């Protein structure tokens, strides 16, 4: 099963109407959330622009870890 890369409708709507919430839904608390809060405090349009760019930007999909190998007999 391949992980989904596209954000859901609720995340896009949150990024457009409440930029920090949209970034929080997409990435959780962290650097991007703090930047979105700061930019939204500076002005709604810069915050919304940042949030939409971050939420819509393609994210790299992490390679899945190899299956656990059987232990090597001693």
N, C-alpha and C. Protein backbone atom coordinates (compact mmCIF):
# COMPACT_ATOMS: atom_id res chain seq x y z
N UNK A 1 0.84 -1.17 0.00
CA UNK A 1 0.00 0.00 0.00
C UNK A 1 0.89 1.24 0.00
N UNK A 2 0.63 2.17 -0.89
CA UNK A 2 1.42 3.40 -0.99
C UNK A 2 0.80 4.49 -0.13
N UNK A 3 1.62 5.21 0.66
CA UNK A 3 1.05 6.28 1.47
C UNK A 3 0.54 7.42 0.60
N UNK A 4 -0.51 8.06 1.06
CA UNK A 4 -1.10 9.17 0.33
C UNK A 4 -0.23 10.42 0.47
N UNK A 5 -0.03 11.13 -0.64
CA UNK A 5 0.78 12.34 -0.60
C UNK A 5 -0.09 13.60 -0.64
N UNK A 6 -1.33 13.49 -1.06
CA UNK A 6 -2.15 14.68 -1.19
C UNK A 6 -2.90 14.97 0.12
N UNK A 7 -2.99 16.25 0.46
CA UNK A 7 -3.72 16.60 1.68
C UNK A 7 -5.22 16.45 1.47
N UNK A 8 -5.93 16.23 2.54
CA UNK A 8 -7.38 16.11 2.46
C UNK A 8 -8.04 17.47 2.32
N UNK A 9 -9.32 17.44 2.02
CA UNK A 9 -10.08 18.67 1.84
C UNK A 9 -10.08 19.50 3.12
N UNK A 10 -10.22 18.86 4.27
CA UNK A 10 -10.26 19.60 5.54
C UNK A 10 -8.94 20.32 5.80
N UNK A 11 -7.84 19.69 5.45
CA UNK A 11 -6.53 20.32 5.65
C UNK A 11 -6.37 21.52 4.72
N UNK A 12 -6.79 21.40 3.48
CA UNK A 12 -6.72 22.53 2.55
C UNK A 12 -7.61 23.68 3.00
N UNK A 13 -8.81 23.35 3.44
CA UNK A 13 -9.72 24.39 3.91
C UNK A 13 -9.15 25.08 5.14
N UNK A 14 -8.58 24.31 6.06
CA UNK A 14 -7.98 24.90 7.26
C UNK A 14 -6.80 25.78 6.89
N UNK A 15 -5.99 25.36 5.91
CA UNK A 15 -4.83 26.16 5.50
C UNK A 15 -5.28 27.48 4.88
N UNK A 16 -6.43 27.49 4.20
CA UNK A 16 -6.92 28.71 3.57
C UNK A 16 -7.60 29.64 4.58
N UNK A 17 -8.33 29.08 5.54
CA UNK A 17 -9.09 29.91 6.48
C UNK A 17 -8.36 30.19 7.79
N UNK A 18 -7.61 29.22 8.27
CA UNK A 18 -6.85 29.35 9.53
C UNK A 18 -5.47 28.74 9.29
N UNK A 19 -4.54 29.51 8.71
CA UNK A 19 -3.27 28.95 8.26
C UNK A 19 -2.50 28.11 9.29
N UNK A 20 -2.34 28.55 10.54
CA UNK A 20 -1.60 27.68 11.46
C UNK A 20 -2.27 26.32 11.69
N UNK A 21 -3.59 26.29 11.69
CA UNK A 21 -4.30 25.03 11.88
C UNK A 21 -4.06 24.09 10.71
N UNK A 22 -4.06 24.62 9.50
CA UNK A 22 -3.79 23.78 8.33
C UNK A 22 -2.40 23.18 8.36
N UNK A 23 -1.41 23.98 8.75
CA UNK A 23 -0.04 23.47 8.84
C UNK A 23 0.06 22.46 9.97
N UNK A 24 -0.62 22.72 11.07
CA UNK A 24 -0.61 21.78 12.20
C UNK A 24 -1.21 20.44 11.79
N UNK A 25 -2.32 20.48 11.04
CA UNK A 25 -2.95 19.24 10.60
C UNK A 25 -2.05 18.45 9.66
N UNK A 26 -1.26 19.15 8.85
CA UNK A 26 -0.41 18.47 7.88
C UNK A 26 0.90 17.98 8.49
N UNK A 27 1.50 18.75 9.42
CA UNK A 27 2.84 18.44 9.90
C UNK A 27 2.96 18.29 11.40
N UNK A 28 1.94 18.68 12.15
CA UNK A 28 2.03 18.62 13.60
C UNK A 28 2.80 19.83 14.14
N UNK A 29 3.01 19.87 15.45
CA UNK A 29 3.73 21.01 16.01
C UNK A 29 5.20 20.93 15.61
N UNK A 30 5.79 22.07 15.34
CA UNK A 30 7.18 22.07 14.93
C UNK A 30 7.53 23.37 14.25
N UNK A 31 8.61 23.33 13.50
CA UNK A 31 9.13 24.54 12.85
C UNK A 31 8.12 25.15 11.89
N UNK A 32 7.50 24.35 11.03
CA UNK A 32 6.55 24.88 10.05
C UNK A 32 5.35 25.52 10.73
N UNK A 33 4.89 24.92 11.81
CA UNK A 33 3.76 25.48 12.56
C UNK A 33 4.13 26.83 13.17
N UNK A 34 5.34 26.93 13.73
CA UNK A 34 5.79 28.20 14.32
C UNK A 34 5.93 29.29 13.26
N UNK A 35 6.44 28.92 12.10
CA UNK A 35 6.57 29.90 11.01
C UNK A 35 5.19 30.35 10.56
N UNK A 36 4.25 29.42 10.44
CA UNK A 36 2.89 29.78 10.02
C UNK A 36 2.24 30.71 11.03
N UNK A 37 2.46 30.46 12.33
CA UNK A 37 1.91 31.36 13.35
C UNK A 37 2.50 32.76 13.23
N UNK A 38 3.81 32.83 13.09
CA UNK A 38 4.46 34.13 12.97
C UNK A 38 4.03 34.89 11.74
N UNK A 39 3.94 34.21 10.61
CA UNK A 39 3.54 34.89 9.38
C UNK A 39 2.08 35.31 9.42
N UNK A 40 1.24 34.53 10.09
CA UNK A 40 -0.17 34.91 10.21
C UNK A 40 -0.32 36.12 11.13
N UNK A 41 0.50 36.19 12.17
CA UNK A 41 0.47 37.38 13.04
C UNK A 41 0.95 38.62 12.29
N UNK A 42 1.89 38.44 11.37
CA UNK A 42 2.40 39.56 10.58
C UNK A 42 1.35 40.03 9.56
N UNK A 43 0.53 39.12 9.11
CA UNK A 43 -0.52 39.44 8.14
C UNK A 43 -1.19 38.17 7.68
N UNK A 44 -2.48 38.24 7.45
CA UNK A 44 -3.23 37.04 7.10
C UNK A 44 -2.78 36.47 5.75
N UNK A 45 -2.60 37.32 4.75
CA UNK A 45 -2.24 36.82 3.42
C UNK A 45 -0.88 36.14 3.38
N UNK A 46 0.16 36.69 4.01
CA UNK A 46 1.43 35.94 4.03
C UNK A 46 1.30 34.60 4.75
N UNK A 47 0.56 34.57 5.83
CA UNK A 47 0.35 33.31 6.55
C UNK A 47 -0.39 32.30 5.71
N UNK A 48 -1.43 32.75 5.02
CA UNK A 48 -2.20 31.85 4.17
C UNK A 48 -1.35 31.36 3.01
N UNK A 49 -0.58 32.24 2.41
CA UNK A 49 0.30 31.83 1.31
C UNK A 49 1.30 30.79 1.75
N UNK A 50 1.94 31.01 2.89
CA UNK A 50 2.91 30.04 3.41
C UNK A 50 2.24 28.70 3.68
N UNK A 51 1.08 28.74 4.34
CA UNK A 51 0.39 27.50 4.69
C UNK A 51 0.00 26.71 3.44
N UNK A 52 -0.54 27.38 2.45
CA UNK A 52 -0.96 26.68 1.24
C UNK A 52 0.25 26.11 0.49
N UNK A 53 1.34 26.87 0.44
CA UNK A 53 2.54 26.36 -0.23
C UNK A 53 3.08 25.13 0.49
N UNK A 54 3.14 25.19 1.82
CA UNK A 54 3.67 24.04 2.58
C UNK A 54 2.76 22.83 2.48
N UNK A 55 1.45 23.04 2.53
CA UNK A 55 0.51 21.91 2.51
C UNK A 55 0.46 21.28 1.11
N UNK A 56 0.55 22.10 0.07
CA UNK A 56 0.43 21.59 -1.29
C UNK A 56 1.76 21.14 -1.89
N UNK A 57 2.88 21.50 -1.28
CA UNK A 57 4.19 21.10 -1.81
C UNK A 57 4.34 19.59 -1.74
N UNK A 58 4.96 19.01 -2.77
CA UNK A 58 5.16 17.55 -2.72
C UNK A 58 6.10 17.17 -1.59
N UNK A 59 5.76 16.11 -0.92
CA UNK A 59 6.58 15.60 0.19
C UNK A 59 7.26 14.32 -0.24
N UNK A 60 8.51 14.16 0.13
CA UNK A 60 9.16 12.88 -0.21
C UNK A 60 8.55 11.75 0.61
N UNK A 61 8.38 10.64 -0.03
CA UNK A 61 7.84 9.46 0.66
C UNK A 61 9.01 8.67 1.19
N UNK A 62 9.00 8.42 2.49
CA UNK A 62 10.10 7.69 3.11
C UNK A 62 10.10 6.24 2.60
N UNK A 63 11.29 5.75 2.34
CA UNK A 63 11.41 4.36 1.91
C UNK A 63 11.04 3.46 3.08
N UNK A 64 10.30 2.43 2.79
CA UNK A 64 9.89 1.54 3.86
C UNK A 64 11.09 0.74 4.35
N UNK A 65 11.10 0.47 5.62
CA UNK A 65 12.19 -0.29 6.22
C UNK A 65 12.12 -1.73 5.74
N UNK A 66 13.26 -2.36 5.55
CA UNK A 66 13.22 -3.76 5.11
C UNK A 66 12.60 -4.62 6.19
N UNK A 67 12.01 -5.69 5.75
CA UNK A 67 11.38 -6.61 6.70
C UNK A 67 12.43 -7.18 7.64
N UNK A 68 12.02 -7.42 8.84
CA UNK A 68 12.95 -7.95 9.84
C UNK A 68 13.45 -9.31 9.39
N UNK A 69 14.76 -9.44 9.35
CA UNK A 69 15.36 -10.70 8.93
C UNK A 69 15.34 -11.70 10.08
N UNK A 70 15.38 -12.94 9.74
CA UNK A 70 15.43 -13.98 10.78
C UNK A 70 16.76 -13.88 11.50
N UNK A 71 16.78 -14.13 12.80
CA UNK A 71 18.04 -14.04 13.52
C UNK A 71 19.05 -15.07 13.01
N UNK A 72 20.29 -14.66 13.02
CA UNK A 72 21.36 -15.55 12.55
C UNK A 72 21.70 -16.51 13.69
N UNK A 73 21.66 -17.81 13.40
CA UNK A 73 21.98 -18.77 14.47
C UNK A 73 23.45 -18.65 14.88
N UNK A 74 23.68 -18.82 16.18
CA UNK A 74 25.04 -18.67 16.69
C UNK A 74 25.85 -19.92 16.52
